[in-house]
Amino acid sequence: MSDHDEGYTGPAVLTVDGRDVPVHAQLDARHEPHDGRLHWFGRIRVEDGQAEIPSGTVELRTETGRAETRIGEVDPWGRYRVTGVGAPPFRIEEPDLDD
């Protein structure tokens, strides 16, 4: 597991229709100046033996946070696109405003 300044890579859990689905997540975030909000995004891979994930909105959580996320398309490697706005489901470093 790796939790670093540039995002999060590691285990996570999706809650879909009341059931927990273990996944591997690779996530990142950035502040978008056009709307002044934090947008986060990435890909998740469902662990072996788990059912497909329906598109729509679900909860994604890691050891350091949780957030509502939208499930998008599946890439050629079987990873699902996830997106969210606001606080991400992983810890991010606060910007240094002392400049």
PDB file of N, CA and C in Angstrom:
ATOM      1  N   MET A   1       0.846  -1.170   0.000  1.00  0.00           N
ATOM      2  CA  MET A   1       0.000   0.000   0.000  1.00  0.00           C
ATOM      3  C   MET A   1       0.888   1.227   0.000  1.00  0.00           C
ATOM      4  N   SER A   2       0.491   2.229  -0.729  1.00  0.00           N
ATOM      5  CA  SER A   2       1.243   3.465  -0.815  1.00  0.00           C
ATOM      6  C   SER A   2       0.300   4.639  -0.694  1.00  0.00           C
ATOM      7  N   ASP A   3       0.536   5.493   0.292  1.00  0.00           N
ATOM      8  CA  ASP A   3      -0.264   6.696   0.492  1.00  0.00           C
ATOM      9  C   ASP A   3       0.723   7.850   0.414  1.00  0.00           C
ATOM     10  N   HIS A   4       0.664   8.640  -0.626  1.00  0.00           N
ATOM     11  CA  HIS A   4       1.687   9.655  -0.843  1.00  0.00           C
ATOM     12  C   HIS A   4       1.060  10.954  -1.306  1.00  0.00           C
ATOM     13  N   ASP A   5       1.903  11.993  -1.442  1.00  0.00           N
ATOM     14  CA  ASP A   5       1.429  13.333  -1.792  1.00  0.00           C
ATOM     15  C   ASP A   5       0.626  13.374  -3.086  1.00  0.00           C
ATOM     16  N   GLU A   6       0.874  12.466  -3.981  1.00  0.00           N
ATOM     17  CA  GLU A   6       0.268  12.533  -5.307  1.00  0.00           C
ATOM     18  C   GLU A   6      -0.976  11.674  -5.439  1.00  0.00           C
ATOM     19  N   GLY A   7      -1.514  11.162  -4.352  1.00  0.00           N
ATOM     20  CA  GLY A   7      -2.715  10.356  -4.445  1.00  0.00           C
ATOM     21  C   GLY A   7      -2.662   9.167  -3.530  1.00  0.00           C
ATOM     22  N   TYR A   8      -3.340   8.113  -3.942  1.00  0.00           N
ATOM     23  CA  TYR A   8      -3.424   6.904  -3.132  1.00  0.00           C
ATOM     24  C   TYR A   8      -3.420   5.689  -4.050  1.00  0.00           C
ATOM     25  N   THR A   9      -2.650   4.681  -3.678  1.00  0.00           N
ATOM     26  CA  THR A   9      -2.676   3.393  -4.347  1.00  0.00           C
ATOM     27  C   THR A   9      -2.709   2.327  -3.270  1.00  0.00           C
ATOM     28  N   GLY A  10      -3.731   1.470  -3.315  1.00  0.00           N
ATOM     29  CA  GLY A  10      -3.814   0.418  -2.324  1.00  0.00           C
ATOM     30  C   GLY A  10      -5.206  -0.153  -2.198  1.00  0.00           C
ATOM     31  N   PRO A  11      -5.442  -0.901  -1.115  1.00  0.00           N
ATOM     32  CA  PRO A  11      -6.740  -1.547  -0.929  1.00  0.00           C
ATOM     33  C   PRO A  11      -7.829  -0.531  -0.612  1.00  0.00           C
ATOM     34  N   ALA A  12      -9.041  -0.854  -1.031  1.00  0.00           N
ATOM     35  CA  ALA A  12     -10.214  -0.025  -0.753  1.00  0.00           C
ATOM     36  C   ALA A  12     -11.438  -0.930  -0.762  1.00  0.00           C
ATOM     37  N   VAL A  13     -12.565  -0.367  -0.359  1.00  0.00           N
ATOM     38  CA  VAL A  13     -13.818  -1.120  -0.330  1.00  0.00           C
ATOM     39  C   VAL A  13     -14.913  -0.261  -0.943  1.00  0.00           C
ATOM     40  N   LEU A  14     -15.652  -0.854  -1.870  1.00  0.00           N
ATOM     41  CA  LEU A  14     -16.850  -0.220  -2.420  1.00  0.00           C
ATOM     42  C   LEU A  14     -18.050  -0.777  -1.673  1.00  0.00           C
ATOM     43  N   THR A  15     -19.004   0.074  -1.357  1.00  0.00           N
ATOM     44  CA  THR A  15     -20.270  -0.396  -0.817  1.00  0.00           C
ATOM     45  C   THR A  15     -21.301  -0.216  -1.918  1.00  0.00           C
ATOM     46  N   VAL A  16     -21.798  -1.336  -2.431  1.00  0.00           N
ATOM     47  CA  VAL A  16     -22.725  -1.361  -3.558  1.00  0.00           C
ATOM     48  C   VAL A  16     -23.989  -2.080  -3.111  1.00  0.00           C
ATOM     49  N   ASP A  17     -25.110  -1.388  -3.119  1.00  0.00           N
ATOM     50  CA  ASP A  17     -26.389  -1.992  -2.717  1.00  0.00           C
ATOM     51  C   ASP A  17     -26.286  -2.717  -1.376  1.00  0.00           C
ATOM     52  N   GLY A  18     -25.582  -2.097  -0.426  1.00  0.00           N
ATOM     53  CA  GLY A  18     -25.475  -2.670   0.913  1.00  0.00           C
ATOM     54  C   GLY A  18     -24.441  -3.752   1.087  1.00  0.00           C
ATOM     55  N   ARG A  19     -23.717  -4.104   0.035  1.00  0.00           N
ATOM     56  CA  ARG A  19     -22.678  -5.131   0.170  1.00  0.00           C
ATOM     57  C   ARG A  19     -21.305  -4.509  -0.061  1.00  0.00           C
ATOM     58  N   ASP A  20     -20.313  -4.987   0.694  1.00  0.00           N
ATOM     59  CA  ASP A  20     -18.943  -4.504   0.566  1.00  0.00           C
ATOM     60  C   ASP A  20     -18.199  -5.336  -0.465  1.00  0.00           C
ATOM     61  N   VAL A  21     -17.520  -4.642  -1.365  1.00  0.00           N
ATOM     62  CA  VAL A  21     -16.755  -5.292  -2.423  1.00  0.00           C
ATOM     63  C   VAL A  21     -15.303  -4.825  -2.305  1.00  0.00           C
ATOM     64  N   PRO A  22     -14.359  -5.724  -1.979  1.00  0.00           N
ATOM     65  CA  PRO A  22     -12.952  -5.327  -1.909  1.00  0.00           C
ATOM     66  C   PRO A  22     -12.408  -5.007  -3.298  1.00  0.00           C
ATOM     67  N   VAL A  23     -11.641  -3.926  -3.370  1.00  0.00           N
ATOM     68  CA  VAL A  23     -11.047  -3.501  -4.634  1.00  0.00           C
ATOM     69  C   VAL A  23      -9.626  -3.019  -4.385  1.00  0.00           C
ATOM     70  N   HIS A  24      -8.881  -2.871  -5.461  1.00  0.00           N
ATOM     71  CA  HIS A  24      -7.574  -2.219  -5.428  1.00  0.00           C
ATOM     72  C   HIS A  24      -7.767  -0.879  -6.134  1.00  0.00           C
ATOM     73  N   ALA A  25      -7.361   0.215  -5.493  1.00  0.00           N
ATOM     74  CA  ALA A  25      -7.607   1.548  -6.036  1.00  0.00           C
ATOM     75  C   ALA A  25      -6.306   2.270  -6.376  1.00  0.00           C
ATOM     76  N   GLN A  26      -6.366   3.051  -7.439  1.00  0.00           N
ATOM     77  CA  GLN A  26      -5.300   3.979  -7.799  1.00  0.00           C
ATOM     78  C   GLN A  26      -5.999   5.315  -8.026  1.00  0.00           C
ATOM     79  N   LEU A  27      -5.807   6.271  -7.090  1.00  0.00           N
ATOM     80  CA  LEU A  27      -6.576   7.505  -7.068  1.00  0.00           C
ATOM     81  C   LEU A  27      -5.673   8.731  -7.014  1.00  0.00           C
ATOM     82  N   ASP A  28      -6.184   9.832  -7.507  1.00  0.00           N
ATOM     83  CA  ASP A  28      -5.469  11.107  -7.463  1.00  0.00           C
ATOM     84  C   ASP A  28      -6.498  12.217  -7.333  1.00  0.00           C
ATOM     85  N   ALA A  29      -6.053  13.419  -7.040  1.00  0.00           N
ATOM     86  CA  ALA A  29      -6.965  14.559  -6.885  1.00  0.00           C
ATOM     87  C   ALA A  29      -6.285  15.827  -7.366  1.00  0.00           C
ATOM     88  N   ARG A  30      -7.117  16.791  -7.766  1.00  0.00           N
ATOM     89  CA  ARG A  30      -6.567  18.101  -8.137  1.00  0.00           C
ATOM     90  C   ARG A  30      -7.644  19.163  -7.951  1.00  0.00           C
ATOM     91  N   HIS A  31      -7.187  20.348  -7.650  1.00  0.00           N
ATOM     92  CA  HIS A  31      -8.082  21.489  -7.508  1.00  0.00           C
ATOM     93  C   HIS A  31      -8.367  22.038  -8.903  1.00  0.00           C
ATOM     94  N   GLU A  32      -9.641  22.207  -9.219  1.00  0.00           N
ATOM     95  CA  GLU A  32     -10.035  22.742 -10.529  1.00  0.00           C
ATOM     96  C   GLU A  32     -10.389  24.220 -10.384  1.00  0.00           C
ATOM     97  N   PRO A  33      -9.608  25.098 -10.997  1.00  0.00           N
ATOM     98  CA  PRO A  33      -9.870  26.530 -10.852  1.00  0.00           C
ATOM     99  C   PRO A  33     -11.188  26.983 -11.476  1.00  0.00           C
ATOM    100  N   HIS A  34     -11.717  26.242 -12.454  1.00  0.00           N
ATOM    101  CA  HIS A  34     -12.958  26.685 -13.099  1.00  0.00           C
ATOM    102  C   HIS A  34     -14.162  26.641 -12.160  1.00  0.00           C
ATOM    103  N   ASP A  35     -14.142  25.747 -11.145  1.00  0.00           N
ATOM    104  CA  ASP A  35     -15.255  25.730 -10.189  1.00  0.00           C
ATOM    105  C   ASP A  35     -14.800  25.866  -8.739  1.00  0.00           C
ATOM    106  N   GLY A  36     -13.486  25.943  -8.509  1.00  0.00           N
ATOM    107  CA  GLY A  36     -12.954  26.139  -7.171  1.00  0.00           C
ATOM    108  C   GLY A  36     -13.092  24.931  -6.256  1.00  0.00           C
ATOM    109  N   ARG A  37     -13.304  23.748  -6.815  1.00  0.00           N
ATOM    110  CA  ARG A  37     -13.512  22.554  -6.006  1.00  0.00           C
ATOM    111  C   ARG A  37     -12.426  21.518  -6.261  1.00  0.00           C
ATOM    112  N   LEU A  38     -12.288  20.614  -5.298  1.00  0.00           N
ATOM    113  CA  LEU A  38     -11.350  19.514  -5.436  1.00  0.00           C
ATOM    114  C   LEU A  38     -12.054  18.379  -6.186  1.00  0.00           C
ATOM    115  N   HIS A  39     -11.452  17.923  -7.263  1.00  0.00           N
ATOM    116  CA  HIS A  39     -11.967  16.801  -8.047  1.00  0.00           C
ATOM    117  C   HIS A  39     -10.997  15.640  -7.871  1.00  0.00           C
ATOM    118  N   TRP A  40     -11.532  14.471  -7.568  1.00  0.00           N
ATOM    119  CA  TRP A  40     -10.667  13.299  -7.455  1.00  0.00           C
ATOM    120  C   TRP A  40     -11.167  12.221  -8.411  1.00  0.00           C
ATOM    121  N   PHE A  41     -10.270  11.306  -8.759  1.00  0.00           N
ATOM    122  CA  PHE A  41     -10.535  10.389  -9.859  1.00  0.00           C
ATOM    123  C   PHE A  41      -9.538   9.248  -9.806  1.00  0.00           C
ATOM    124  N   GLY A  42      -9.795   8.227 -10.564  1.00  0.00           N
ATOM    125  CA  GLY A  42      -8.852   7.131 -10.651  1.00  0.00           C
ATOM    126  C   GLY A  42      -9.489   5.883 -11.225  1.00  0.00           C
ATOM    127  N   ARG A  43      -8.864   4.753 -10.935  1.00  0.00           N
ATOM    128  CA  ARG A  43      -9.314   3.450 -11.406  1.00  0.00           C
ATOM    129  C   ARG A  43      -9.336   2.491 -10.232  1.00  0.00           C
ATOM    130  N   ILE A  44     -10.306   1.589 -10.266  1.00  0.00           N
ATOM    131  CA  ILE A  44     -10.352   0.509  -9.281  1.00  0.00           C
ATOM    132  C   ILE A  44     -10.409  -0.816 -10.018  1.00  0.00           C
ATOM    133  N   ARG A  45      -9.806  -1.814  -9.393  1.00  0.00           N
ATOM    134  CA  ARG A  45      -9.837  -3.178  -9.931  1.00  0.00           C
ATOM    135  C   ARG A  45     -10.531  -4.043  -8.893  1.00  0.00           C
ATOM    136  N   VAL A  46     -11.566  -4.738  -9.302  1.00  0.00           N
ATOM    137  CA  VAL A  46     -12.302  -5.625  -8.410  1.00  0.00           C
ATOM    138  C   VAL A  46     -11.432  -6.842  -8.114  1.00  0.00           C
ATOM    139  N   GLU A  47     -11.391  -7.237  -6.847  1.00  0.00           N
ATOM    140  CA  GLU A  47     -10.599  -8.408  -6.464  1.00  0.00           C
ATOM    141  C   GLU A  47     -11.161  -9.658  -7.144  1.00  0.00           C
ATOM    142  N   ASP A  48     -10.320 -10.645  -7.335  1.00  0.00           N
ATOM    143  CA  ASP A  48     -10.723 -11.899  -8.002  1.00  0.00           C
ATOM    144  C   ASP A  48     -11.955 -12.505  -7.343  1.00  0.00           C
ATOM    145  N   GLY A  49     -12.851 -13.025  -8.162  1.00  0.00           N
ATOM    146  CA  GLY A  49     -14.016 -13.713  -7.662  1.00  0.00           C
ATOM    147  C   GLY A  49     -15.195 -12.825  -7.311  1.00  0.00           C
ATOM    148  N   GLN A  50     -15.057 -11.527  -7.472  1.00  0.00           N
ATOM    149  CA  GLN A  50     -16.143 -10.610  -7.147  1.00  0.00           C
ATOM    150  C   GLN A  50     -16.975 -10.320  -8.393  1.00  0.00           C
ATOM    151  N   ALA A  51     -18.223  -9.983  -8.183  1.00  0.00           N
ATOM    152  CA  ALA A  51     -19.137  -9.684  -9.291  1.00  0.00           C
ATOM    153  C   ALA A  51     -18.797  -8.340  -9.932  1.00  0.00           C
ATOM    154  N   GLU A  52     -19.344  -8.131 -11.129  1.00  0.00           N
ATOM    155  CA  GLU A  52     -19.183  -6.838 -11.788  1.00  0.00           C
ATOM    156  C   GLU A  52     -19.828  -5.749 -10.950  1.00  0.00           C
ATOM    157  N   ILE A  53     -19.331  -4.537 -11.118  1.00  0.00           N
ATOM    158  CA  ILE A  53     -19.857  -3.384 -10.400  1.00  0.00           C
ATOM    159  C   ILE A  53     -20.795  -2.630 -11.342  1.00  0.00           C
ATOM    160  N   PRO A  54     -22.024  -2.364 -10.910  1.00  0.00           N
ATOM    161  CA  PRO A  54     -22.933  -1.602 -11.784  1.00  0.00           C
ATOM    162  C   PRO A  54     -22.506  -0.142 -11.848  1.00  0.00           C
ATOM    163  N   SER A  55     -22.763   0.507 -12.971  1.00  0.00           N
ATOM    164  CA  SER A  55     -22.462   1.932 -13.052  1.00  0.00           C
ATOM    165  C   SER A  55     -23.440   2.675 -12.155  1.00  0.00           C
ATOM    166  N   GLY A  56     -23.042   3.846 -11.724  1.00  0.00           N
ATOM    167  CA  GLY A  56     -23.871   4.642 -10.831  1.00  0.00           C
ATOM    168  C   GLY A  56     -23.042   5.195  -9.700  1.00  0.00           C
ATOM    169  N   THR A  57     -23.699   5.594  -8.622  1.00  0.00           N
ATOM    170  CA  THR A  57     -23.018   6.202  -7.488  1.00  0.00           C
ATOM    171  C   THR A  57     -22.984   5.217  -6.318  1.00  0.00           C
ATOM    172  N   VAL A  58     -21.808   5.066  -5.723  1.00  0.00           N
ATOM    173  CA  VAL A  58     -21.599   4.163  -4.591  1.00  0.00           C
ATOM    174  C   VAL A  58     -20.647   4.835  -3.605  1.00  0.00           C
ATOM    175  N   GLU A  59     -20.386   4.181  -2.484  1.00  0.00           N
ATOM    176  CA  GLU A  59     -19.399   4.695  -1.531  1.00  0.00           C
ATOM    177  C   GLU A  59     -18.083   3.954  -1.724  1.00  0.00           C
ATOM    178  N   LEU A  60     -16.982   4.706  -1.671  1.00  0.00           N
ATOM    179  CA  LEU A  60     -15.640   4.135  -1.743  1.00  0.00           C
ATOM    180  C   LEU A  60     -14.915   4.544  -0.474  1.00  0.00           C
ATOM    181  N   ARG A  61     -14.267   3.572   0.181  1.00  0.00           N
ATOM    182  CA  ARG A  61     -13.526   3.918   1.389  1.00  0.00           C
ATOM    183  C   ARG A  61     -12.153   3.261   1.409  1.00  0.00           C
ATOM    184  N   THR A  62     -11.243   3.963   2.061  1.00  0.00           N
ATOM    185  CA  THR A  62      -9.898   3.468   2.312  1.00  0.00           C
ATOM    186  C   THR A  62      -9.678   3.540   3.822  1.00  0.00           C
ATOM    187  N   GLU A  63      -8.483   3.218   4.277  1.00  0.00           N
ATOM    188  CA  GLU A  63      -8.172   3.298   5.706  1.00  0.00           C
ATOM    189  C   GLU A  63      -8.268   4.721   6.239  1.00  0.00           C
ATOM    190  N   THR A  64      -8.146   5.723   5.373  1.00  0.00           N
ATOM    191  CA  THR A  64      -8.093   7.107   5.846  1.00  0.00           C
ATOM    192  C   THR A  64      -9.286   7.965   5.450  1.00  0.00           C
ATOM    193  N   GLY A  65     -10.298   7.391   4.812  1.00  0.00           N
ATOM    194  CA  GLY A  65     -11.458   8.207   4.464  1.00  0.00           C
ATOM    195  C   GLY A  65     -12.496   7.449   3.664  1.00  0.00           C
ATOM    196  N   ARG A  66     -13.597   8.144   3.413  1.00  0.00           N
ATOM    197  CA  ARG A  66     -14.682   7.582   2.599  1.00  0.00           C
ATOM    198  C   ARG A  66     -15.320   8.720   1.833  1.00  0.00           C
ATOM    199  N   ALA A  67     -15.900   8.381   0.676  1.00  0.00           N
ATOM    200  CA  ALA A  67     -16.548   9.396  -0.153  1.00  0.00           C
ATOM    201  C   ALA A  67     -17.501   8.720  -1.135  1.00  0.00           C
ATOM    202  N   GLU A  68     -18.487   9.482  -1.551  1.00  0.00           N
ATOM    203  CA  GLU A  68     -19.379   9.024  -2.603  1.00  0.00           C
ATOM    204  C   GLU A  68     -18.627   9.131  -3.921  1.00  0.00           C
ATOM    205  N   THR A  69     -18.751   8.130  -4.752  1.00  0.00           N
ATOM    206  CA  THR A  69     -18.057   8.122  -6.045  1.00  0.00           C
ATOM    207  C   THR A  69     -18.990   7.647  -7.141  1.00  0.00           C
ATOM    208  N   ARG A  70     -18.701   8.088  -8.315  1.00  0.00           N
ATOM    209  CA  ARG A  70     -19.456   7.668  -9.502  1.00  0.00           C
ATOM    210  C   ARG A  70     -18.625   6.629 -10.236  1.00  0.00           C
ATOM    211  N   ILE A  71     -19.232   5.486 -10.534  1.00  0.00           N
ATOM    212  CA  ILE A  71     -18.568   4.425 -11.292  1.00  0.00           C
ATOM    213  C   ILE A  71     -18.790   4.696 -12.770  1.00  0.00           C
ATOM    214  N   GLY A  72     -17.715   4.661 -13.522  1.00  0.00           N
ATOM    215  CA  GLY A  72     -17.802   4.912 -14.958  1.00  0.00           C
ATOM    216  C   GLY A  72     -17.434   3.693 -15.775  1.00  0.00           C
ATOM    217  N   GLU A  73     -16.846   3.947 -16.928  1.00  0.00           N
ATOM    218  CA  GLU A  73     -16.542   2.892 -17.893  1.00  0.00           C
ATOM    219  C   GLU A  73     -15.441   1.963 -17.399  1.00  0.00           C
ATOM    220  N   VAL A  74     -15.382   0.801 -18.010  1.00  0.00           N
ATOM    221  CA  VAL A  74     -14.346  -0.190 -17.729  1.00  0.00           C
ATOM    222  C   VAL A  74     -13.313  -0.103 -18.844  1.00  0.00           C
ATOM    223  N   ASP A  75     -12.021  -0.052 -18.459  1.00  0.00           N
ATOM    224  CA  ASP A  75     -10.974   0.017 -19.481  1.00  0.00           C
ATOM    225  C   ASP A  75     -10.643  -1.391 -19.996  1.00  0.00           C
ATOM    226  N   PRO A  76      -9.780  -1.511 -21.004  1.00  0.00           N
ATOM    227  CA  PRO A  76      -9.464  -2.828 -21.581  1.00  0.00           C
ATOM    228  C   PRO A  76      -8.830  -3.810 -20.590  1.00  0.00           C
ATOM    229  N   TRP A  77      -8.320  -3.316 -19.455  1.00  0.00           N
ATOM    230  CA  TRP A  77      -7.694  -4.163 -18.453  1.00  0.00           C
ATOM    231  C   TRP A  77      -8.657  -4.531 -17.319  1.00  0.00           C
ATOM    232  N   GLY A  78      -9.934  -4.171 -17.477  1.00  0.00           N
ATOM    233  CA  GLY A  78     -10.940  -4.531 -16.486  1.00  0.00           C
ATOM    234  C   GLY A  78     -11.036  -3.611 -15.289  1.00  0.00           C
ATOM    235  N   ARG A  79     -10.405  -2.434 -15.358  1.00  0.00           N
ATOM    236  CA  ARG A  79     -10.461  -1.482 -14.257  1.00  0.00           C
ATOM    237  C   ARG A  79     -11.598  -0.483 -14.489  1.00  0.00           C
ATOM    238  N   TYR A  80     -12.319  -0.151 -13.431  1.00  0.00           N
ATOM    239  CA  TYR A  80     -13.428   0.796 -13.507  1.00  0.00           C
ATOM    240  C   TYR A  80     -12.933   2.213 -13.227  1.00  0.00           C
ATOM    241  N   ARG A  81     -13.444   3.169 -13.960  1.00  0.00           N
ATOM    242  CA  ARG A  81     -13.161   4.584 -13.724  1.00  0.00           C
ATOM    243  C   ARG A  81     -14.025   5.040 -12.554  1.00  0.00           C
ATOM    244  N   VAL A  82     -13.440   5.793 -11.604  1.00  0.00           N
ATOM    245  CA  VAL A  82     -14.190   6.380 -10.499  1.00  0.00           C
ATOM    246  C   VAL A  82     -13.907   7.873 -10.453  1.00  0.00           C
ATOM    247  N   THR A  83     -14.919   8.661 -10.112  1.00  0.00           N
ATOM    248  CA  THR A  83     -14.757  10.112 -10.006  1.00  0.00           C
ATOM    249  C   THR A  83     -15.572  10.624  -8.830  1.00  0.00           C
ATOM    250  N   GLY A  84     -15.115  11.739  -8.281  1.00  0.00           N
ATOM    251  CA  GLY A  84     -15.826  12.384  -7.193  1.00  0.00           C
ATOM    252  C   GLY A  84     -15.425  13.839  -7.086  1.00  0.00           C
ATOM    253  N   VAL A  85     -16.217  14.595  -6.350  1.00  0.00           N
ATOM    254  CA  VAL A  85     -15.947  16.011  -6.113  1.00  0.00           C
ATOM    255  C   VAL A  85     -16.033  16.248  -4.611  1.00  0.00           C
ATOM    256  N   GLY A  86     -15.080  17.007  -4.095  1.00  0.00           N
ATOM    257  CA  GLY A  86     -15.036  17.272  -2.655  1.00  0.00           C
ATOM    258  C   GLY A  86     -13.954  16.432  -2.017  1.00  0.00           C
ATOM    259  N   ALA A  87     -14.090  16.222  -0.719  1.00  0.00           N
ATOM    260  CA  ALA A  87     -13.076  15.453   0.015  1.00  0.00           C
ATOM    261  C   ALA A  87     -12.961  14.046  -0.565  1.00  0.00           C
ATOM    262  N   PRO A  88     -11.737  13.621  -0.908  1.00  0.00           N
ATOM    263  CA  PRO A  88     -11.553  12.281  -1.471  1.00  0.00           C
ATOM    264  C   PRO A  88     -11.543  11.223  -0.372  1.00  0.00           C
ATOM    265  N   PRO A  89     -11.617   9.954  -0.757  1.00  0.00           N
ATOM    266  CA  PRO A  89     -11.604   8.876   0.232  1.00  0.00           C
ATOM    267  C   PRO A  89     -10.186   8.503   0.689  1.00  0.00           C
ATOM    268  N   PHE A  90      -9.270   9.427   0.607  1.00  0.00           N
ATOM    269  CA  PHE A  90      -7.899   9.214   1.057  1.00  0.00           C
ATOM    270  C   PHE A  90      -7.372  10.540   1.587  1.00  0.00           C
ATOM    271  N   ARG A  91      -6.380  10.456   2.456  1.00  0.00           N
ATOM    272  CA  ARG A  91      -5.796  11.659   3.059  1.00  0.00           C
ATOM    273  C   ARG A  91      -4.949  12.404   2.034  1.00  0.00           C
ATOM    274  N   ILE A  92      -5.134  13.708   2.010  1.00  0.00           N
ATOM    275  CA  ILE A  92      -4.302  14.551   1.157  1.00  0.00           C
ATOM    276  C   ILE A  92      -3.624  15.588   2.038  1.00  0.00           C
ATOM    277  N   GLU A  93      -2.458  15.999   1.616  1.00  0.00           N
ATOM    278  CA  GLU A  93      -1.720  17.022   2.362  1.00  0.00           C
ATOM    279  C   GLU A  93      -2.346  18.381   2.112  1.00  0.00           C
ATOM    280  N   GLU A  94      -2.507  19.147   3.186  1.00  0.00           N
ATOM    281  CA  GLU A  94      -3.012  20.517   3.052  1.00  0.00           C
ATOM    282  C   GLU A  94      -1.934  21.367   2.401  1.00  0.00           C
ATOM    283  N   PRO A  95      -2.322  22.285   1.503  1.00  0.00           N
ATOM    284  CA  PRO A  95      -1.318  23.134   0.865  1.00  0.00           C
ATOM    285  C   PRO A  95      -0.688  24.081   1.882  1.00  0.00           C
ATOM    286  N   ASP A  96       0.571  24.400   1.652  1.00  0.00           N
ATOM    287  CA  ASP A  96       1.279  25.351   2.500  1.00  0.00           C
ATOM    288  C   ASP A  96       0.909  26.754   2.052  1.00  0.00           C
ATOM    289  N   LEU A  97       0.227  27.500   2.900  1.00  0.00           N
ATOM    290  CA  LEU A  97      -0.257  28.835   2.527  1.00  0.00           C
ATOM    291  C   LEU A  97       0.619  29.934   3.108  1.00  0.00           C
ATOM    292  N   ASP A  98       1.815  29.594   3.588  1.00  0.00           N
ATOM    293  CA  ASP A  98       2.701  30.572   4.212  1.00  0.00           C
ATOM    294  C   ASP A  98       3.641  31.252   3.244  1.00  0.00           C
ATOM    295  N   ASP A  99       3.400  31.183   1.956  1.00  0.00           N
ATOM    296  CA  ASP A  99       4.294  31.795   0.958  1.00  0.00           C
ATOM    297  C   ASP A  99       4.136  33.289   0.933  1.00  0.00           C
TER     298      ASP A  99
END
